[in-house]
Amino acid sequence: MNAHDTFIARHSFIELTARERTIALLDRGTFRELLGPFDRLESPWLAMQNVVCQSDDGVVIARGMLGGEPAVVAAIEPAFQGGSIGEVSGTKIAAALELAAREFDSGRAIRPVVLFETGGVRLQEANLGLAVIAEIQAAIVALRRHVPVVGVIGGMVGCFGGMSLAAALCTELVMTRQARLGMNGPEVIEQEAGVEELDSSDRKLIWSMIGGEERVAVGLADTLVEDDSGEVRAAVIAAFERGVPAQHRSEQVDRQLERLARVNPDAIDPDTLRTLWQGDSR
């Protein structure tokens, strides 16, 4: 049994590391890592603050085949600094997307995928992290004119902060039930506004608000999958087969404004939101 078979046999996508997730996503035997650990692209800032660095700065970049077509995957490792984005890790993601854009400029198609698992910008590199997240967002917008840019949010870290905006710019988003998507994480809201505003320990409430099932139901994500590597892979391939839509979600400004006008912030809950959104078509 080779490495690919081992990871697929585990089934769970969430339990895999970023590198294992990438191997499980790509066609068997085609994984080839770029700028890997032996290149030792570490953050120059973490050591100054007595934080142990990681030799790939928590992001895996790989080329391979996906559904028989060339692909590039950027995967964030949640076990390192909560998947936070710093100068090096963010630059690796932006460069991977820019690499894909150059492939199209040269007349070669490629399938770009981002595996999100991040709390947002790395606090130790705040301004640098914010700047590079803006580069990621710009690269997604530039690339999605040519090809769907597909994002996956697995869990359990979820996707928050500036990277939630990057995820929202993707052509399609695949989420598990365990995943979460939001601008601010529950812990941050509780810290800033108090537990009376939001109890971050209330798991049922949190997932009913920002969990994968709710986000797909209200149209902020596209495909809900179980925590299974095979299901995630199939959903990503299907997203590419649907092609570039006539209008991306982030371009539907009038539709989103009309939706927001129907919301009464004094009387809203997840079920009400689903009801308001019911009947909307993409």
C-alpha atoms as a PDB file:
ATOM      1  CA  MET A   1       0.000   0.000   0.000  1.00  0.00           C
ATOM      2  CA  ASN A   2       1.478   3.364  -1.021  1.00  0.00           C
ATOM      3  CA  ALA A   3       1.143   6.698   0.776  1.00  0.00           C
ATOM      4  CA  HIS A   4      -1.901   7.743  -1.243  1.00  0.00           C
ATOM      5  CA  ASP A   5      -3.775   4.533  -0.393  1.00  0.00           C
ATOM      6  CA  THR A   6      -2.871   4.926   3.289  1.00  0.00           C
ATOM      7  CA  PHE A   7      -4.347   8.401   3.494  1.00  0.00           C
ATOM      8  CA  ILE A   8      -7.482   7.530   1.532  1.00  0.00           C
ATOM      9  CA  ALA A   9      -8.057   4.483   3.741  1.00  0.00           C
ATOM     10  CA  ARG A  10      -8.276   6.807   6.731  1.00  0.00           C
ATOM     11  CA  HIS A  11     -11.317   8.428   5.120  1.00  0.00           C
ATOM     12  CA  SER A  12     -11.379  11.481   7.419  1.00  0.00           C
ATOM     13  CA  PHE A  13     -10.221  14.618   5.647  1.00  0.00           C
ATOM     14  CA  ILE A  14     -10.134  16.696   8.823  1.00  0.00           C
ATOM     15  CA  GLU A  15      -7.736  14.377  10.639  1.00  0.00           C
ATOM     16  CA  LEU A  16      -5.115  14.659   7.887  1.00  0.00           C
ATOM     17  CA  THR A  17      -2.261  17.143   7.893  1.00  0.00           C
ATOM     18  CA  ALA A  18      -2.075  19.746   5.145  1.00  0.00           C
ATOM     19  CA  ARG A  19       0.403  17.609   3.214  1.00  0.00           C
ATOM     20  CA  GLU A  20      -1.746  14.493   3.591  1.00  0.00           C
ATOM     21  CA  ARG A  21      -4.858  16.382   2.514  1.00  0.00           C
ATOM     22  CA  THR A  22      -3.079  17.515  -0.634  1.00  0.00           C
ATOM     23  CA  ILE A  23      -1.911  13.987  -1.453  1.00  0.00           C
ATOM     24  CA  ALA A  24      -5.448  12.656  -0.896  1.00  0.00           C
ATOM     25  CA  LEU A  25      -6.935  15.351  -3.148  1.00  0.00           C
ATOM     26  CA  LEU A  26      -4.602  14.898  -6.132  1.00  0.00           C
ATOM     27  CA  ASP A  27      -4.643  11.944  -8.516  1.00  0.00           C
ATOM     28  CA  ARG A  28      -2.702   9.006  -7.166  1.00  0.00           C
ATOM     29  CA  GLY A  29       1.067   9.265  -7.514  1.00  0.00           C
ATOM     30  CA  THR A  30       1.097  12.792  -8.975  1.00  0.00           C
ATOM     31  CA  PHE A  31       1.872  14.834  -5.826  1.00  0.00           C
ATOM     32  CA  ARG A  32       5.012  16.960  -6.222  1.00  0.00           C
ATOM     33  CA  GLU A  33       5.766  19.511  -3.529  1.00  0.00           C
ATOM     34  CA  LEU A  34       7.133  22.955  -4.327  1.00  0.00           C
ATOM     35  CA  LEU A  35       9.045  24.992  -1.748  1.00  0.00           C
ATOM     36  CA  GLY A  36       8.902  22.150   0.761  1.00  0.00           C
ATOM     37  CA  PRO A  37      10.469  21.799   4.212  1.00  0.00           C
ATOM     38  CA  PHE A  38      13.958  21.155   2.845  1.00  0.00           C
ATOM     39  CA  ASP A  39      13.910  24.585   1.207  1.00  0.00           C
ATOM     40  CA  ARG A  40      13.622  25.973   4.760  1.00  0.00           C
ATOM     41  CA  LEU A  41      11.529  29.036   3.958  1.00  0.00           C
ATOM     42  CA  GLU A  42      10.904  29.949   7.584  1.00  0.00           C
ATOM     43  CA  SER A  43       9.400  33.103   8.984  1.00  0.00           C
ATOM     44  CA  PRO A  44      12.172  35.539   9.904  1.00  0.00           C
ATOM     45  CA  TRP A  45       9.954  37.138  12.542  1.00  0.00           C
ATOM     46  CA  LEU A  46       8.754  34.322  14.791  1.00  0.00           C
ATOM     47  CA  ALA A  47      12.152  33.453  16.257  1.00  0.00           C
ATOM     48  CA  MET A  48      12.554  37.087  17.339  1.00  0.00           C
ATOM     49  CA  GLN A  49       9.493  36.561  19.514  1.00  0.00           C
ATOM     50  CA  ASN A  50      10.632  33.193  20.880  1.00  0.00           C
ATOM     51  CA  VAL A  51       8.195  31.234  18.704  1.00  0.00           C
ATOM     52  CA  VAL A  52       9.509  28.000  17.213  1.00  0.00           C
ATOM     53  CA  CYS A  53       9.492  28.245  13.413  1.00  0.00           C
ATOM     54  CA  GLN A  54       8.355  25.582  10.959  1.00  0.00           C
ATOM     55  CA  SER A  55      10.481  24.902   7.905  1.00  0.00           C
ATOM     56  CA  ASP A  56       7.580  25.324   5.469  1.00  0.00           C
ATOM     57  CA  ASP A  57       5.926  28.088   7.551  1.00  0.00           C
ATOM     58  CA  GLY A  58       2.735  26.063   7.753  1.00  0.00           C
ATOM     59  CA  VAL A  59       1.755  26.041   4.069  1.00  0.00           C
ATOM     60  CA  VAL A  60       2.122  23.178   1.584  1.00  0.00           C
ATOM     61  CA  ILE A  61       2.296  23.984  -2.139  1.00  0.00           C
ATOM     62  CA  ALA A  62       2.048  21.123  -4.614  1.00  0.00           C
ATOM     63  CA  ARG A  63       1.675  20.425  -8.316  1.00  0.00           C
ATOM     64  CA  GLY A  64      -0.034  17.320  -9.617  1.00  0.00           C
ATOM     65  CA  MET A  65      -3.036  16.085 -11.533  1.00  0.00           C
ATOM     66  CA  LEU A  66      -6.644  16.448 -10.432  1.00  0.00           C
ATOM     67  CA  GLY A  67      -9.297  14.566 -12.331  1.00  0.00           C
ATOM     68  CA  GLY A  68      -6.736  14.017 -15.073  1.00  0.00           C
ATOM     69  CA  GLU A  69      -5.945  17.723 -15.435  1.00  0.00           C
ATOM     70  CA  PRO A  70      -2.900  19.686 -14.185  1.00  0.00           C
ATOM     71  CA  ALA A  71      -3.468  21.290 -10.790  1.00  0.00           C
ATOM     72  CA  VAL A  72      -1.793  23.405  -8.143  1.00  0.00           C
ATOM     73  CA  VAL A  73      -2.857  23.128  -4.503  1.00  0.00           C
ATOM     74  CA  ALA A  74      -2.089  25.451  -1.592  1.00  0.00           C
ATOM     75  CA  ALA A  75      -2.894  23.832   1.768  1.00  0.00           C
ATOM     76  CA  ILE A  76      -2.721  25.554   5.157  1.00  0.00           C
ATOM     77  CA  GLU A  77      -1.537  23.487   8.143  1.00  0.00           C
ATOM     78  CA  PRO A  78      -3.844  24.114  11.129  1.00  0.00           C
ATOM     79  CA  ALA A  79      -1.449  22.515  13.609  1.00  0.00           C
ATOM     80  CA  PHE A  80       1.087  25.331  13.165  1.00  0.00           C
ATOM     81  CA  GLN A  81       0.058  28.618  14.783  1.00  0.00           C
ATOM     82  CA  GLY A  82      -3.613  27.807  14.144  1.00  0.00           C
ATOM     83  CA  GLY A  83      -3.095  28.075  10.405  1.00  0.00           C
ATOM     84  CA  SER A  84      -2.319  31.774  10.773  1.00  0.00           C
ATOM     85  CA  ILE A  85      -0.956  33.640   7.751  1.00  0.00           C
ATOM     86  CA  GLY A  86       2.383  35.400   7.912  1.00  0.00           C
ATOM     87  CA  GLU A  87       4.727  36.901   5.353  1.00  0.00           C
ATOM     88  CA  VAL A  88       6.243  33.630   4.116  1.00  0.00           C
ATOM     89  CA  SER A  89       3.178  31.380   4.279  1.00  0.00           C
ATOM     90  CA  GLY A  90       0.982  33.982   2.613  1.00  0.00           C
ATOM     91  CA  THR A  91       3.539  34.679  -0.088  1.00  0.00           C
ATOM     92  CA  LYS A  92       3.680  30.969  -0.892  1.00  0.00           C
ATOM     93  CA  ILE A  93      -0.099  30.899  -1.451  1.00  0.00           C
ATOM     94  CA  ALA A  94      -0.091  34.090  -3.526  1.00  0.00           C
ATOM     95  CA  ALA A  95       2.844  32.824  -5.603  1.00  0.00           C
ATOM     96  CA  ALA A  96       1.065  29.506  -6.268  1.00  0.00           C
ATOM     97  CA  LEU A  97      -1.991  31.355  -7.585  1.00  0.00           C
ATOM     98  CA  GLU A  98       0.188  33.687  -9.649  1.00  0.00           C
ATOM     99  CA  LEU A  99       1.977  30.611 -11.037  1.00  0.00           C
ATOM    100  CA  ALA A 100      -1.395  29.299 -12.181  1.00  0.00           C
ATOM    101  CA  ALA A 101      -2.178  32.642 -13.845  1.00  0.00           C
ATOM    102  CA  ARG A 102       1.116  32.501 -15.740  1.00  0.00           C
ATOM    103  CA  GLU A 103       0.212  29.016 -16.955  1.00  0.00           C
ATOM    104  CA  PHE A 104      -2.932  30.446 -18.554  1.00  0.00           C
ATOM    105  CA  ASP A 105      -0.943  33.336 -20.025  1.00  0.00           C
ATOM    106  CA  SER A 106       1.238  30.683 -21.686  1.00  0.00           C
ATOM    107  CA  GLY A 107      -1.791  28.857 -23.059  1.00  0.00           C
ATOM    108  CA  ARG A 108      -1.778  25.995 -20.536  1.00  0.00           C
ATOM    109  CA  ALA A 109      -4.783  25.281 -18.317  1.00  0.00           C
ATOM    110  CA  ILE A 110      -4.389  24.403 -14.639  1.00  0.00           C
ATOM    111  CA  ARG A 111      -6.802  23.765 -11.758  1.00  0.00           C
ATOM    112  CA  PRO A 112      -6.115  25.932  -8.634  1.00  0.00           C
ATOM    113  CA  VAL A 113      -7.294  24.750  -5.195  1.00  0.00           C
ATOM    114  CA  VAL A 114      -6.854  26.372  -1.773  1.00  0.00           C
ATOM    115  CA  LEU A 115      -7.352  24.262   1.360  1.00  0.00           C
ATOM    116  CA  PHE A 116      -8.326  26.808   4.000  1.00  0.00           C
ATOM    117  CA  GLU A 117      -7.766  26.097   7.685  1.00  0.00           C
ATOM    118  CA  THR A 118      -6.910  29.395   9.306  1.00  0.00           C
ATOM    119  CA  GLY A 119      -7.779  31.915  11.958  1.00  0.00           C
ATOM    120  CA  GLY A 120      -6.547  34.702   9.689  1.00  0.00           C
ATOM    121  CA  VAL A 121      -3.501  36.920   9.949  1.00  0.00           C
ATOM    122  CA  ARG A 122      -0.633  35.857  12.226  1.00  0.00           C
ATOM    123  CA  LEU A 123      -0.577  38.377  15.070  1.00  0.00           C
ATOM    124  CA  GLN A 124       3.228  38.289  15.312  1.00  0.00           C
ATOM    125  CA  GLU A 125       3.401  39.488  11.686  1.00  0.00           C
ATOM    126  CA  ALA A 126       0.227  41.561  11.594  1.00  0.00           C
ATOM    127  CA  ASN A 127       0.949  44.216   8.950  1.00  0.00           C
ATOM    128  CA  LEU A 128       2.999  41.877   6.761  1.00  0.00           C
ATOM    129  CA  GLY A 129       0.311  39.216   7.046  1.00  0.00           C
ATOM    130  CA  LEU A 130      -2.441  41.653   6.098  1.00  0.00           C
ATOM    131  CA  ALA A 131      -0.473  42.843   3.078  1.00  0.00           C
ATOM    132  CA  VAL A 132       0.101  39.341   1.769  1.00  0.00           C
ATOM    133  CA  ILE A 133      -3.548  38.351   2.341  1.00  0.00           C
ATOM    134  CA  ALA A 134      -4.439  41.260   0.044  1.00  0.00           C
ATOM    135  CA  GLU A 135      -2.072  39.748  -2.536  1.00  0.00           C
ATOM    136  CA  ILE A 136      -3.835  36.381  -2.194  1.00  0.00           C
ATOM    137  CA  GLN A 137      -7.206  38.032  -2.734  1.00  0.00           C
ATOM    138  CA  ALA A 138      -5.966  39.922  -5.805  1.00  0.00           C
ATOM    139  CA  ALA A 139      -4.496  36.718  -7.240  1.00  0.00           C
ATOM    140  CA  ILE A 140      -7.803  34.862  -6.804  1.00  0.00           C
ATOM    141  CA  VAL A 141      -9.742  37.606  -8.589  1.00  0.00           C
ATOM    142  CA  ALA A 142      -7.229  37.713 -11.452  1.00  0.00           C
ATOM    143  CA  LEU A 143      -7.179  33.940 -11.860  1.00  0.00           C
ATOM    144  CA  ARG A 144     -10.896  33.189 -11.656  1.00  0.00           C
ATOM    145  CA  ARG A 145     -11.488  34.887 -15.020  1.00  0.00           C
ATOM    146  CA  HIS A 146      -9.797  31.884 -16.606  1.00  0.00           C
ATOM    147  CA  VAL A 147     -10.770  28.969 -14.384  1.00  0.00           C
ATOM    148  CA  PRO A 148     -12.774  28.232 -11.232  1.00  0.00           C
ATOM    149  CA  VAL A 149     -10.727  28.837  -8.088  1.00  0.00           C
ATOM    150  CA  VAL A 150     -11.994  26.211  -5.658  1.00  0.00           C
ATOM    151  CA  GLY A 151     -11.662  26.538  -1.890  1.00  0.00           C
ATOM    152  CA  VAL A 152     -12.128  23.815   0.714  1.00  0.00           C
ATOM    153  CA  ILE A 153     -12.806  24.478   4.404  1.00  0.00           C
ATOM    154  CA  GLY A 154     -12.401  21.240   6.306  1.00  0.00           C
ATOM    155  CA  GLY A 155     -12.396  22.020  10.058  1.00  0.00           C
ATOM    156  CA  MET A 156     -11.928  22.174  12.955  1.00  0.00           C
ATOM    157  CA  VAL A 157     -10.092  25.516  12.884  1.00  0.00           C
ATOM    158  CA  GLY A 158     -12.374  26.849  10.165  1.00  0.00           C
ATOM    159  CA  CYS A 159     -11.703  30.003   8.166  1.00  0.00           C
ATOM    160  CA  PHE A 160     -11.745  33.472   9.721  1.00  0.00           C
ATOM    161  CA  GLY A 161     -10.329  36.974   9.446  1.00  0.00           C
ATOM    162  CA  GLY A 162      -8.930  38.265   6.182  1.00  0.00           C
ATOM    163  CA  MET A 163      -8.714  34.738   4.832  1.00  0.00           C
ATOM    164  CA  SER A 164     -12.497  34.412   5.109  1.00  0.00           C
ATOM    165  CA  LEU A 165     -12.643  37.194   2.517  1.00  0.00           C
ATOM    166  CA  ALA A 166     -10.205  35.248   0.342  1.00  0.00           C
ATOM    167  CA  ALA A 167     -12.455  32.203   0.674  1.00  0.00           C
ATOM    168  CA  ALA A 168     -15.491  34.305  -0.269  1.00  0.00           C
ATOM    169  CA  LEU A 169     -13.723  35.355  -3.480  1.00  0.00           C
ATOM    170  CA  CYS A 170     -13.303  31.735  -4.590  1.00  0.00           C
ATOM    171  CA  THR A 171     -15.521  30.590  -7.431  1.00  0.00           C
ATOM    172  CA  GLU A 172     -16.843  27.719  -5.325  1.00  0.00           C
ATOM    173  CA  LEU A 173     -16.444  26.718  -1.695  1.00  0.00           C
ATOM    174  CA  VAL A 174     -16.650  23.152  -0.384  1.00  0.00           C
ATOM    175  CA  MET A 175     -17.304  22.752   3.360  1.00  0.00           C
ATOM    176  CA  THR A 176     -17.717  19.879   5.774  1.00  0.00           C
ATOM    177  CA  ARG A 177     -20.346  19.991   8.520  1.00  0.00           C
ATOM    178  CA  GLN A 178     -17.560  20.458  11.052  1.00  0.00           C
ATOM    179  CA  ALA A 179     -16.129  23.519   9.272  1.00  0.00           C
ATOM    180  CA  ARG A 180     -16.873  27.125  10.173  1.00  0.00           C
ATOM    181  CA  LEU A 181     -16.692  30.302   8.132  1.00  0.00           C
ATOM    182  CA  GLY A 182     -16.898  33.849   9.446  1.00  0.00           C
ATOM    183  CA  MET A 183     -15.173  37.197   9.542  1.00  0.00           C
ATOM    184  CA  ASN A 184     -14.593  37.081  13.301  1.00  0.00           C
ATOM    185  CA  GLY A 185     -14.244  33.880  15.288  1.00  0.00           C
ATOM    186  CA  PRO A 186     -16.595  33.209  18.229  1.00  0.00           C
ATOM    187  CA  GLU A 187     -13.764  33.524  20.739  1.00  0.00           C
ATOM    188  CA  VAL A 188     -12.824  36.958  19.389  1.00  0.00           C
ATOM    189  CA  ILE A 189     -16.444  38.171  19.516  1.00  0.00           C
ATOM    190  CA  GLU A 190     -16.813  36.940  23.096  1.00  0.00           C
ATOM    191  CA  GLN A 191     -13.529  38.581  24.091  1.00  0.00           C
ATOM    192  CA  GLU A 192     -14.460  41.940  22.596  1.00  0.00           C
ATOM    193  CA  ALA A 193     -18.226  42.075  23.208  1.00  0.00           C
ATOM    194  CA  GLY A 194     -18.656  39.825  26.227  1.00  0.00           C
ATOM    195  CA  VAL A 195     -20.193  36.417  26.825  1.00  0.00           C
ATOM    196  CA  GLU A 196     -23.648  38.019  26.954  1.00  0.00           C
ATOM    197  CA  GLU A 197     -23.249  38.827  23.272  1.00  0.00           C
ATOM    198  CA  LEU A 198     -21.905  35.421  22.279  1.00  0.00           C
ATOM    199  CA  ASP A 199     -20.968  32.365  24.320  1.00  0.00           C
ATOM    200  CA  SER A 200     -18.160  30.737  22.331  1.00  0.00           C
ATOM    201  CA  SER A 201     -18.557  27.501  24.322  1.00  0.00           C
ATOM    202  CA  ASP A 202     -22.108  26.993  22.983  1.00  0.00           C
ATOM    203  CA  ARG A 203     -21.120  24.657  20.164  1.00  0.00           C
ATOM    204  CA  LYS A 204     -24.685  24.060  18.951  1.00  0.00           C
ATOM    205  CA  LEU A 205     -25.283  27.796  18.617  1.00  0.00           C
ATOM    206  CA  ILE A 206     -21.934  28.475  16.939  1.00  0.00           C
ATOM    207  CA  TRP A 207     -22.318  25.764  14.314  1.00  0.00           C
ATOM    208  CA  SER A 208     -25.942  26.745  13.663  1.00  0.00           C
ATOM    209  CA  MET A 209     -24.690  30.232  12.834  1.00  0.00           C
ATOM    210  CA  ILE A 210     -21.415  29.729  10.959  1.00  0.00           C
ATOM    211  CA  GLY A 211     -21.057  25.968  10.441  1.00  0.00           C
ATOM    212  CA  GLY A 212     -20.767  24.323   7.050  1.00  0.00           C
ATOM    213  CA  GLU A 213     -24.409  23.254   6.828  1.00  0.00           C
ATOM    214  CA  GLU A 214     -25.698  26.774   7.552  1.00  0.00           C
ATOM    215  CA  ARG A 215     -23.229  28.475   5.234  1.00  0.00           C
ATOM    216  CA  VAL A 216     -24.246  26.243   2.335  1.00  0.00           C
ATOM    217  CA  ALA A 217     -27.940  26.684   3.153  1.00  0.00           C
ATOM    218  CA  VAL A 218     -27.701  30.485   2.892  1.00  0.00           C
ATOM    219  CA  GLY A 219     -25.503  30.453  -0.199  1.00  0.00           C
ATOM    220  CA  LEU A 220     -22.193  31.601   1.276  1.00  0.00           C
ATOM    221  CA  ALA A 221     -20.702  28.217   0.346  1.00  0.00           C
ATOM    222  CA  ASP A 222     -21.656  25.842  -2.426  1.00  0.00           C
ATOM    223  CA  THR A 223     -21.190  22.178  -1.543  1.00  0.00           C
ATOM    224  CA  LEU A 224     -21.624  20.413   1.809  1.00  0.00           C
ATOM    225  CA  VAL A 225     -19.717  17.166   2.208  1.00  0.00           C
ATOM    226  CA  GLU A 226     -19.162  14.673   4.968  1.00  0.00           C
ATOM    227  CA  ASP A 227     -15.731  14.395   6.535  1.00  0.00           C
ATOM    228  CA  ASP A 228     -14.459  11.991   3.918  1.00  0.00           C
ATOM    229  CA  SER A 229     -11.437  12.478   1.657  1.00  0.00           C
ATOM    230  CA  GLY A 230     -13.198  10.852  -1.277  1.00  0.00           C
ATOM    231  CA  GLU A 231     -16.223  13.132  -0.978  1.00  0.00           C
ATOM    232  CA  VAL A 232     -14.044  16.226  -0.771  1.00  0.00           C
ATOM    233  CA  ARG A 233     -12.072  15.188  -3.847  1.00  0.00           C
ATOM    234  CA  ALA A 234     -15.245  14.421  -5.826  1.00  0.00           C
ATOM    235  CA  ALA A 235     -16.773  17.792  -4.876  1.00  0.00           C
ATOM    236  CA  VAL A 236     -13.657  19.688  -5.955  1.00  0.00           C
ATOM    237  CA  ILE A 237     -13.500  17.911  -9.326  1.00  0.00           C
ATOM    238  CA  ALA A 238     -17.220  18.564  -9.877  1.00  0.00           C
ATOM    239  CA  ALA A 239     -16.689  22.278  -9.183  1.00  0.00           C
ATOM    240  CA  PHE A 240     -14.084  22.468 -11.943  1.00  0.00           C
ATOM    241  CA  GLU A 241     -16.319  20.576 -14.339  1.00  0.00           C
ATOM    242  CA  ARG A 242     -19.031  23.212 -13.868  1.00  0.00           C
ATOM    243  CA  GLY A 243     -16.636  25.824 -15.225  1.00  0.00           C
ATOM    244  CA  VAL A 244     -16.505  29.576 -14.697  1.00  0.00           C
ATOM    245  CA  PRO A 245     -19.949  31.005 -13.840  1.00  0.00           C
ATOM    246  CA  ALA A 246     -21.472  33.961 -15.632  1.00  0.00           C
ATOM    247  CA  GLN A 247     -21.156  35.947 -12.405  1.00  0.00           C
ATOM    248  CA  HIS A 248     -19.114  35.153  -9.309  1.00  0.00           C
ATOM    249  CA  ARG A 249     -20.739  35.337  -5.884  1.00  0.00           C
ATOM    250  CA  SER A 250     -18.680  38.389  -4.894  1.00  0.00           C
ATOM    251  CA  GLU A 251     -19.909  40.230  -8.005  1.00  0.00           C
ATOM    252  CA  GLN A 252     -23.590  39.807  -7.073  1.00  0.00           C
ATOM    253  CA  VAL A 253     -23.722  43.096  -5.173  1.00  0.00           C
ATOM    254  CA  ASP A 254     -27.331  44.034  -5.929  1.00  0.00           C
ATOM    255  CA  ARG A 255     -28.546  40.583  -4.961  1.00  0.00           C
ATOM    256  CA  GLN A 256     -26.685  40.704  -1.653  1.00  0.00           C
ATOM    257  CA  LEU A 257     -27.967  44.193  -0.854  1.00  0.00           C
ATOM    258  CA  GLU A 258     -31.530  43.035  -1.543  1.00  0.00           C
ATOM    259  CA  ARG A 259     -30.993  40.087   0.779  1.00  0.00           C
ATOM    260  CA  LEU A 260     -29.655  42.277   3.564  1.00  0.00           C
ATOM    261  CA  ALA A 261     -32.614  44.658   3.228  1.00  0.00           C
ATOM    262  CA  ARG A 262     -34.904  41.761   4.164  1.00  0.00           C
ATOM    263  CA  VAL A 263     -33.086  41.084   7.431  1.00  0.00           C
ATOM    264  CA  ASN A 264     -34.300  42.534  10.720  1.00  0.00           C
ATOM    265  CA  PRO A 265     -31.224  42.416  12.981  1.00  0.00           C
ATOM    266  CA  ASP A 266     -33.449  42.568  16.080  1.00  0.00           C
ATOM    267  CA  ALA A 267     -35.262  39.360  15.164  1.00  0.00           C
ATOM    268  CA  ILE A 268     -32.944  37.038  13.314  1.00  0.00           C
ATOM    269  CA  ASP A 269     -31.755  33.504  13.940  1.00  0.00           C
ATOM    270  CA  PRO A 270     -30.291  30.763  11.714  1.00  0.00           C
ATOM    271  CA  ASP A 271     -33.704  29.263  10.859  1.00  0.00           C
ATOM    272  CA  THR A 272     -35.157  32.659   9.977  1.00  0.00           C
ATOM    273  CA  LEU A 273     -32.180  33.394   7.784  1.00  0.00           C
ATOM    274  CA  ARG A 274     -32.683  30.143   5.885  1.00  0.00           C
ATOM    275  CA  THR A 275     -36.353  31.008   5.385  1.00  0.00           C
ATOM    276  CA  LEU A 276     -35.492  34.452   4.029  1.00  0.00           C
ATOM    277  CA  TRP A 277     -32.976  32.958   1.630  1.00  0.00           C
ATOM    278  CA  GLN A 278     -35.297  30.134   0.548  1.00  0.00           C
ATOM    279  CA  GLY A 279     -36.186  30.248  -3.097  1.00  0.00           C
ATOM    280  CA  ASP A 280     -33.122  32.247  -4.087  1.00  0.00           C
ATOM    281  CA  SER A 281     -31.263  30.789  -7.023  1.00  0.00           C
ATOM    282  CA  ARG A 282     -27.503  31.132  -7.568  1.00  0.00           C
END
